[in-house]
């Protein structure tokens, strides 16, 4: 496997984790994508794409989302707790 392929796989994996954690936290708080838009000004279509892992957010976007969801920025990159723990 080439270095480039490993790098692409790592980025893809982190983007998927970010997407899953973003969506899970939003739902945990009972918020809609509309509500996140109202808190952040981030377009609903962009939020949807983020939750699908289809785009790479900027640092500014990640910070804005973390604030809106009342989490530390690192939350998006942590392993999700296992069910039952």
N, C-alpha and C. Protein backbone atom coordinates (compact mmCIF):
# COMPACT_ATOMS: atom_id res chain seq x y z
N UNK A 1 0.85 -1.17 0.00
CA UNK A 1 0.00 0.00 0.00
C UNK A 1 0.90 1.24 0.00
N UNK A 2 0.55 2.19 -0.82
CA UNK A 2 1.35 3.41 -0.91
C UNK A 2 1.08 4.33 0.26
N UNK A 3 2.00 5.24 0.49
CA UNK A 3 1.82 6.24 1.55
C UNK A 3 0.57 7.06 1.27
N UNK A 4 0.37 7.44 0.03
CA UNK A 4 -0.80 8.24 -0.34
C UNK A 4 -2.10 7.50 -0.02
N UNK A 5 -2.15 6.21 -0.34
CA UNK A 5 -3.35 5.41 -0.08
C UNK A 5 -3.61 5.31 1.42
N UNK A 6 -2.55 5.09 2.20
CA UNK A 6 -2.73 5.02 3.66
C UNK A 6 -3.22 6.35 4.21
N UNK A 7 -2.68 7.45 3.70
CA UNK A 7 -3.11 8.77 4.13
C UNK A 7 -4.58 8.99 3.78
N UNK A 8 -4.96 8.67 2.56
CA UNK A 8 -6.36 8.82 2.13
C UNK A 8 -7.29 7.98 2.99
N UNK A 9 -6.87 6.77 3.33
CA UNK A 9 -7.69 5.90 4.18
C UNK A 9 -7.84 6.49 5.58
N UNK A 10 -6.77 7.05 6.12
CA UNK A 10 -6.82 7.67 7.44
C UNK A 10 -7.77 8.87 7.44
N UNK A 11 -7.66 9.71 6.44
CA UNK A 11 -8.53 10.89 6.35
C UNK A 11 -9.98 10.46 6.21
N UNK A 12 -10.23 9.47 5.38
CA UNK A 12 -11.59 8.97 5.19
C UNK A 12 -12.15 8.42 6.49
N UNK A 13 -11.34 7.71 7.24
CA UNK A 13 -11.75 7.15 8.51
C UNK A 13 -12.10 8.25 9.51
N UNK A 14 -11.26 9.27 9.60
CA UNK A 14 -11.52 10.38 10.52
C UNK A 14 -12.75 11.17 10.10
N UNK A 15 -12.95 11.34 8.80
CA UNK A 15 -14.13 12.06 8.31
C UNK A 15 -15.40 11.28 8.67
N UNK A 16 -15.35 9.96 8.55
CA UNK A 16 -16.51 9.14 8.92
C UNK A 16 -16.79 9.22 10.41
N UNK A 17 -15.72 9.21 11.22
CA UNK A 17 -15.90 9.33 12.67
C UNK A 17 -16.51 10.69 13.01
N UNK A 18 -15.98 11.75 12.41
CA UNK A 18 -16.52 13.09 12.63
C UNK A 18 -18.01 13.10 12.28
N UNK A 19 -18.36 12.56 11.13
CA UNK A 19 -19.75 12.55 10.67
C UNK A 19 -20.66 11.83 11.66
N UNK A 20 -20.22 10.66 12.10
CA UNK A 20 -21.03 9.87 13.03
C UNK A 20 -21.20 10.57 14.37
N UNK A 21 -20.12 11.15 14.88
CA UNK A 21 -20.19 11.84 16.18
C UNK A 21 -21.04 13.10 16.10
N UNK A 22 -20.93 13.83 14.99
CA UNK A 22 -21.74 15.03 14.79
C UNK A 22 -23.22 14.69 14.82
N UNK A 23 -23.60 13.72 14.02
CA UNK A 23 -25.01 13.33 13.94
C UNK A 23 -25.51 12.78 15.27
N UNK A 24 -24.71 11.94 15.92
CA UNK A 24 -25.12 11.35 17.19
C UNK A 24 -25.34 12.43 18.25
N UNK A 25 -24.44 13.39 18.33
CA UNK A 25 -24.58 14.45 19.33
C UNK A 25 -25.80 15.32 19.04
N UNK A 26 -26.00 15.65 17.78
CA UNK A 26 -27.17 16.46 17.41
C UNK A 26 -28.44 15.75 17.84
N UNK A 27 -28.53 14.47 17.55
CA UNK A 27 -29.74 13.70 17.90
C UNK A 27 -29.86 13.54 19.42
N UNK A 28 -28.72 13.34 20.08
CA UNK A 28 -28.72 13.21 21.54
C UNK A 28 -29.34 14.45 22.19
N UNK A 29 -29.08 15.61 21.61
CA UNK A 29 -29.62 16.86 22.14
C UNK A 29 -31.02 17.16 21.62
N UNK A 30 -31.52 16.31 20.72
CA UNK A 30 -32.86 16.51 20.17
C UNK A 30 -32.93 17.68 19.20
N UNK A 31 -31.83 17.98 18.54
CA UNK A 31 -31.78 19.12 17.62
C UNK A 31 -31.94 18.67 16.17
N UNK A 32 -32.56 19.51 15.40
CA UNK A 32 -32.66 19.27 13.96
C UNK A 32 -31.48 19.95 13.27
N UNK A 33 -31.30 19.63 12.01
CA UNK A 33 -30.29 20.34 11.23
C UNK A 33 -30.67 21.81 11.12
N UNK A 34 -31.95 22.11 11.08
CA UNK A 34 -32.42 23.50 11.06
C UNK A 34 -31.96 24.23 12.32
N UNK A 35 -32.06 23.57 13.46
CA UNK A 35 -31.64 24.19 14.72
C UNK A 35 -30.13 24.47 14.72
N UNK A 36 -29.36 23.55 14.15
CA UNK A 36 -27.91 23.77 14.07
C UNK A 36 -27.63 24.95 13.15
N UNK A 37 -28.35 25.02 12.04
CA UNK A 37 -28.21 26.18 11.13
C UNK A 37 -28.48 27.48 11.89
N UNK A 38 -29.54 27.50 12.69
CA UNK A 38 -29.91 28.71 13.42
C UNK A 38 -28.85 29.09 14.46
N UNK A 39 -28.18 28.11 15.03
CA UNK A 39 -27.14 28.38 16.02
C UNK A 39 -25.81 28.79 15.38
N UNK A 40 -25.55 28.30 14.16
CA UNK A 40 -24.22 28.47 13.58
C UNK A 40 -24.19 29.27 12.28
N UNK A 41 -25.30 29.29 11.56
CA UNK A 41 -25.32 29.91 10.23
C UNK A 41 -24.76 29.00 9.15
N UNK A 42 -24.46 27.76 9.51
CA UNK A 42 -23.96 26.79 8.53
C UNK A 42 -25.16 26.25 7.76
N UNK A 43 -25.08 26.28 6.45
CA UNK A 43 -26.20 25.84 5.61
C UNK A 43 -26.63 24.42 5.93
N UNK A 44 -27.93 24.18 5.91
CA UNK A 44 -28.47 22.86 6.20
C UNK A 44 -27.90 21.82 5.23
N UNK A 45 -27.77 22.18 3.97
CA UNK A 45 -27.23 21.22 3.00
C UNK A 45 -25.79 20.84 3.35
N UNK A 46 -25.02 21.79 3.88
CA UNK A 46 -23.64 21.51 4.28
C UNK A 46 -23.62 20.62 5.52
N UNK A 47 -24.51 20.90 6.47
CA UNK A 47 -24.61 20.06 7.67
C UNK A 47 -24.96 18.63 7.27
N UNK A 48 -25.89 18.49 6.35
CA UNK A 48 -26.27 17.17 5.86
C UNK A 48 -25.07 16.45 5.24
N UNK A 49 -24.32 17.16 4.41
CA UNK A 49 -23.13 16.57 3.79
C UNK A 49 -22.08 16.21 4.83
N UNK A 50 -21.94 17.02 5.86
CA UNK A 50 -21.01 16.70 6.95
C UNK A 50 -21.42 15.41 7.64
N UNK A 51 -22.71 15.27 7.91
CA UNK A 51 -23.21 14.09 8.61
C UNK A 51 -23.11 12.83 7.75
N UNK A 52 -22.99 12.98 6.47
CA UNK A 52 -22.81 11.85 5.56
C UNK A 52 -21.33 11.56 5.31
N UNK A 53 -20.45 12.42 5.82
CA UNK A 53 -19.02 12.25 5.60
C UNK A 53 -18.58 12.65 4.22
N UNK A 54 -19.38 13.50 3.56
CA UNK A 54 -19.11 13.85 2.18
C UNK A 54 -18.22 15.07 1.97
N UNK A 55 -17.93 15.80 3.03
CA UNK A 55 -17.10 17.00 2.89
C UNK A 55 -16.12 17.08 4.05
N UNK A 56 -15.05 17.82 3.84
CA UNK A 56 -14.05 18.06 4.87
C UNK A 56 -14.29 19.45 5.46
N UNK A 57 -14.71 19.53 6.71
CA UNK A 57 -14.98 20.84 7.29
C UNK A 57 -13.70 21.59 7.64
N UNK A 58 -13.78 22.90 7.59
CA UNK A 58 -12.66 23.73 8.04
C UNK A 58 -12.63 23.73 9.57
N UNK A 59 -11.54 24.20 10.10
CA UNK A 59 -11.43 24.33 11.55
C UNK A 59 -12.50 25.26 12.09
N UNK A 60 -12.77 26.36 11.39
CA UNK A 60 -13.81 27.29 11.83
C UNK A 60 -15.17 26.62 11.93
N UNK A 61 -15.50 25.79 10.96
CA UNK A 61 -16.78 25.06 10.97
C UNK A 61 -16.81 24.09 12.14
N UNK A 62 -15.73 23.35 12.35
CA UNK A 62 -15.70 22.39 13.46
C UNK A 62 -15.86 23.09 14.81
N UNK A 63 -15.19 24.21 14.98
CA UNK A 63 -15.30 24.96 16.24
C UNK A 63 -16.73 25.46 16.44
N UNK A 64 -17.32 25.98 15.39
CA UNK A 64 -18.69 26.47 15.47
C UNK A 64 -19.66 25.35 15.85
N UNK A 65 -19.49 24.19 15.24
CA UNK A 65 -20.34 23.05 15.56
C UNK A 65 -20.12 22.57 16.99
N UNK A 66 -18.88 22.52 17.42
CA UNK A 66 -18.59 22.10 18.79
C UNK A 66 -19.27 23.03 19.79
N UNK A 67 -19.20 24.32 19.55
CA UNK A 67 -19.86 25.28 20.45
C UNK A 67 -21.37 25.09 20.44
N UNK A 68 -21.95 24.91 19.26
CA UNK A 68 -23.40 24.76 19.14
C UNK A 68 -23.87 23.48 19.84
N UNK A 69 -23.03 22.45 19.83
CA UNK A 69 -23.39 21.16 20.43
C UNK A 69 -22.85 21.00 21.84
N UNK A 70 -22.23 22.06 22.37
CA UNK A 70 -21.72 22.09 23.73
C UNK A 70 -20.75 20.94 24.02
N UNK A 71 -19.79 20.77 23.12
CA UNK A 71 -18.75 19.76 23.30
C UNK A 71 -17.40 20.39 22.99
N UNK A 72 -16.35 19.74 23.48
CA UNK A 72 -15.00 20.14 23.14
C UNK A 72 -14.73 19.67 21.71
N UNK A 73 -13.88 20.37 21.01
CA UNK A 73 -13.55 20.01 19.64
C UNK A 73 -13.06 18.56 19.52
N UNK A 74 -12.37 18.08 20.52
CA UNK A 74 -11.85 16.70 20.48
C UNK A 74 -12.96 15.65 20.47
N UNK A 75 -14.15 16.01 20.93
CA UNK A 75 -15.28 15.09 20.96
C UNK A 75 -15.49 14.41 19.61
N UNK A 76 -15.35 15.17 18.54
CA UNK A 76 -15.63 14.64 17.21
C UNK A 76 -14.65 13.56 16.76
N UNK A 77 -13.51 13.47 17.41
CA UNK A 77 -12.48 12.54 16.98
C UNK A 77 -12.23 11.41 17.97
N UNK A 78 -12.99 11.40 19.05
CA UNK A 78 -12.86 10.35 20.04
C UNK A 78 -13.66 9.12 19.57
N UNK A 79 -13.24 7.96 20.04
CA UNK A 79 -14.00 6.75 19.79
C UNK A 79 -15.32 6.88 20.55
N UNK A 80 -16.39 6.48 19.91
CA UNK A 80 -17.69 6.48 20.59
C UNK A 80 -17.68 5.40 21.67
N UNK A 81 -18.30 5.68 22.82
CA UNK A 81 -18.34 4.66 23.86
C UNK A 81 -19.10 3.42 23.37
N UNK A 82 -18.67 2.27 23.83
CA UNK A 82 -19.35 1.03 23.48
C UNK A 82 -20.70 0.99 24.19
N UNK A 83 -21.69 0.38 23.56
CA UNK A 83 -23.00 0.26 24.16
C UNK A 83 -22.89 -0.57 25.44
N UNK A 84 -23.55 -0.09 26.49
CA UNK A 84 -23.54 -0.78 27.76
C UNK A 84 -22.43 -0.39 28.71
N UNK A 85 -21.59 0.55 28.30
CA UNK A 85 -20.50 1.00 29.19
C UNK A 85 -20.89 2.26 29.91
